[in-house]
Amino acid sequence: MESAADRLLVKLRRFIADELDADERQLFATLLAPGIAAAHADHDVVGFGMINWSLPALPTALQGD
């Protein structure tokens, strides 16, 4: 039986591949990175833990007015 997480990942991959252009994929990855880092906090994921994820670090396109 497929888990909800597996189903979600399949849908996200399809959405990213079929619906987003290169710039949108980059912005989407920026939004996902903090969650990925938190999910793998107990593991040796190089890079994610060294980035400050505060709002000012987000690209201007993702910041509210």
N, C-alpha and C. Protein backbone atom coordinates (compact mmCIF):
# COMPACT_ATOMS: atom_id res chain seq x y z
N MET A 1 0.85 -1.19 0.00
CA MET A 1 0.00 0.00 0.00
C MET A 1 0.88 1.24 0.00
N GLU A 2 0.60 2.14 -0.88
CA GLU A 2 1.36 3.37 -1.03
C GLU A 2 0.99 4.36 0.08
N SER A 3 1.99 4.99 0.68
CA SER A 3 1.72 5.93 1.76
C SER A 3 1.30 7.29 1.19
N ALA A 4 0.71 8.11 2.06
CA ALA A 4 0.31 9.45 1.66
C ALA A 4 1.53 10.26 1.21
N ALA A 5 2.65 10.08 1.88
CA ALA A 5 3.87 10.80 1.51
C ALA A 5 4.32 10.40 0.11
N ASP A 6 4.27 9.11 -0.20
CA ASP A 6 4.65 8.65 -1.54
C ASP A 6 3.73 9.23 -2.61
N ARG A 7 2.43 9.24 -2.34
CA ARG A 7 1.47 9.79 -3.30
C ARG A 7 1.72 11.28 -3.51
N LEU A 8 1.99 11.99 -2.43
CA LEU A 8 2.25 13.43 -2.52
C LEU A 8 3.51 13.70 -3.34
N LEU A 9 4.56 12.94 -3.11
CA LEU A 9 5.80 13.14 -3.86
C LEU A 9 5.59 12.90 -5.36
N VAL A 10 4.81 11.90 -5.71
CA VAL A 10 4.51 11.64 -7.12
C VAL A 10 3.79 12.84 -7.72
N LYS A 11 2.81 13.37 -7.01
CA LYS A 11 2.05 14.53 -7.51
C LYS A 11 2.93 15.77 -7.61
N LEU A 12 3.79 15.97 -6.63
CA LEU A 12 4.69 17.13 -6.67
C LEU A 12 5.65 17.04 -7.85
N ARG A 13 6.23 15.86 -8.05
CA ARG A 13 7.14 15.67 -9.18
C ARG A 13 6.45 15.96 -10.50
N ARG A 14 5.23 15.47 -10.64
CA ARG A 14 4.46 15.70 -11.87
C ARG A 14 4.17 17.19 -12.05
N PHE A 15 3.73 17.84 -10.97
CA PHE A 15 3.43 19.27 -11.01
C PHE A 15 4.67 20.08 -11.40
N ILE A 16 5.79 19.78 -10.77
CA ILE A 16 7.03 20.51 -11.03
C ILE A 16 7.47 20.31 -12.48
N ALA A 17 7.41 19.09 -12.96
CA ALA A 17 7.87 18.78 -14.31
C ALA A 17 6.94 19.34 -15.38
N ASP A 18 5.63 19.28 -15.14
CA ASP A 18 4.67 19.61 -16.19
C ASP A 18 4.14 21.04 -16.14
N GLU A 19 4.12 21.65 -14.97
CA GLU A 19 3.44 22.93 -14.82
C GLU A 19 4.36 24.13 -14.59
N LEU A 20 5.58 23.91 -14.14
CA LEU A 20 6.44 25.03 -13.79
C LEU A 20 7.54 25.23 -14.82
N ASP A 21 7.85 26.51 -15.10
CA ASP A 21 9.00 26.80 -15.94
C ASP A 21 10.25 26.83 -15.06
N ALA A 22 11.41 27.06 -15.65
CA ALA A 22 12.67 26.98 -14.91
C ALA A 22 12.72 27.98 -13.74
N ASP A 23 12.25 29.21 -13.96
CA ASP A 23 12.26 30.20 -12.88
C ASP A 23 11.32 29.80 -11.75
N GLU A 24 10.14 29.30 -12.10
CA GLU A 24 9.18 28.86 -11.09
C GLU A 24 9.71 27.66 -10.31
N ARG A 25 10.39 26.74 -10.98
CA ARG A 25 10.99 25.59 -10.29
C ARG A 25 12.01 26.04 -9.26
N GLN A 26 12.81 27.05 -9.61
CA GLN A 26 13.81 27.57 -8.69
C GLN A 26 13.15 28.20 -7.46
N LEU A 27 12.10 28.97 -7.67
CA LEU A 27 11.39 29.59 -6.55
C LEU A 27 10.71 28.51 -5.69
N PHE A 28 10.13 27.51 -6.32
CA PHE A 28 9.47 26.43 -5.59
C PHE A 28 10.48 25.68 -4.72
N ALA A 29 11.66 25.44 -5.26
CA ALA A 29 12.72 24.77 -4.50
C ALA A 29 13.12 25.61 -3.29
N THR A 30 13.13 26.92 -3.44
CA THR A 30 13.45 27.81 -2.33
C THR A 30 12.44 27.65 -1.19
N LEU A 31 11.19 27.47 -1.55
CA LEU A 31 10.15 27.27 -0.54
C LEU A 31 10.26 25.91 0.14
N LEU A 32 10.65 24.89 -0.61
CA LEU A 32 10.73 23.53 -0.07
C LEU A 32 11.97 23.27 0.76
N ALA A 33 13.06 23.96 0.48
CA ALA A 33 14.34 23.67 1.12
C ALA A 33 14.30 23.66 2.65
N PRO A 34 13.63 24.63 3.30
CA PRO A 34 13.60 24.58 4.78
C PRO A 34 12.91 23.33 5.32
N GLY A 35 11.85 22.89 4.66
CA GLY A 35 11.16 21.68 5.09
C GLY A 35 12.02 20.44 4.90
N ILE A 36 12.74 20.39 3.80
CA ILE A 36 13.65 19.27 3.55
C ILE A 36 14.74 19.25 4.60
N ALA A 37 15.28 20.41 4.91
CA ALA A 37 16.33 20.50 5.92
C ALA A 37 15.81 20.03 7.28
N ALA A 38 14.59 20.44 7.64
CA ALA A 38 14.02 20.03 8.92
C ALA A 38 13.76 18.53 8.96
N ALA A 39 13.32 17.98 7.85
CA ALA A 39 13.03 16.54 7.79
C ALA A 39 14.29 15.70 7.92
N HIS A 40 15.41 16.26 7.52
CA HIS A 40 16.66 15.51 7.54
C HIS A 40 17.64 16.06 8.57
N ALA A 41 17.13 16.71 9.60
CA ALA A 41 17.99 17.34 10.60
C ALA A 41 18.86 16.32 11.33
N ASP A 42 18.40 15.08 11.44
CA ASP A 42 19.16 14.04 12.13
C ASP A 42 20.17 13.34 11.23
N HIS A 43 20.20 13.71 9.96
CA HIS A 43 21.05 13.05 8.99
C HIS A 43 22.14 13.99 8.50
N ASP A 44 23.09 13.46 7.80
CA ASP A 44 24.19 14.25 7.26
C ASP A 44 23.84 14.82 5.90
N VAL A 45 22.97 15.82 5.87
CA VAL A 45 22.63 16.50 4.63
C VAL A 45 23.50 17.75 4.58
N VAL A 46 24.41 17.79 3.66
CA VAL A 46 25.35 18.90 3.58
C VAL A 46 24.70 20.08 2.88
N GLY A 47 24.83 21.23 3.47
CA GLY A 47 24.38 22.46 2.83
C GLY A 47 23.12 23.06 3.41
N PHE A 48 22.04 22.28 3.54
CA PHE A 48 20.78 22.85 3.99
C PHE A 48 20.89 23.48 5.38
N GLY A 49 21.59 22.84 6.28
CA GLY A 49 21.69 23.34 7.64
C GLY A 49 22.54 24.59 7.78
N MET A 50 23.29 24.92 6.74
CA MET A 50 24.18 26.07 6.82
C MET A 50 23.54 27.34 6.28
N ILE A 51 22.30 27.26 5.85
CA ILE A 51 21.64 28.41 5.23
C ILE A 51 20.66 29.02 6.21
N ASN A 52 20.65 30.35 6.29
CA ASN A 52 19.70 31.07 7.12
C ASN A 52 18.38 31.17 6.35
N TRP A 53 17.32 30.58 6.89
CA TRP A 53 16.05 30.52 6.17
C TRP A 53 15.10 31.64 6.56
N SER A 54 15.59 32.71 7.15
CA SER A 54 14.72 33.81 7.54
C SER A 54 14.12 34.47 6.30
N LEU A 55 13.01 35.16 6.48
CA LEU A 55 12.30 35.78 5.36
C LEU A 55 13.19 36.67 4.51
N PRO A 56 14.08 37.49 5.07
CA PRO A 56 14.92 38.32 4.20
C PRO A 56 15.80 37.51 3.25
N ALA A 57 16.06 36.23 3.53
CA ALA A 57 16.88 35.41 2.66
C ALA A 57 16.10 34.90 1.45
N LEU A 58 14.78 35.03 1.45
CA LEU A 58 13.99 34.58 0.32
C LEU A 58 14.18 35.51 -0.87
N PRO A 59 14.06 34.99 -2.07
CA PRO A 59 14.14 35.86 -3.26
C PRO A 59 13.05 36.93 -3.20
N THR A 60 13.34 38.08 -3.75
CA THR A 60 12.40 39.20 -3.75
C THR A 60 11.05 38.78 -4.30
N ALA A 61 11.04 37.92 -5.31
CA ALA A 61 9.79 37.48 -5.93
C ALA A 61 8.87 36.76 -4.97
N LEU A 62 9.43 36.19 -3.87
CA LEU A 62 8.62 35.45 -2.92
C LEU A 62 8.26 36.26 -1.68
N GLN A 63 8.80 37.44 -1.56
CA GLN A 63 8.52 38.27 -0.39
C GLN A 63 7.24 39.07 -0.60
N GLY A 64 6.46 39.17 0.47
CA GLY A 64 5.23 39.94 0.40
C GLY A 64 5.53 41.43 0.37
N ASP A 65 4.50 42.20 0.13
CA ASP A 65 4.66 43.66 0.10
C ASP A 65 4.86 44.23 1.48
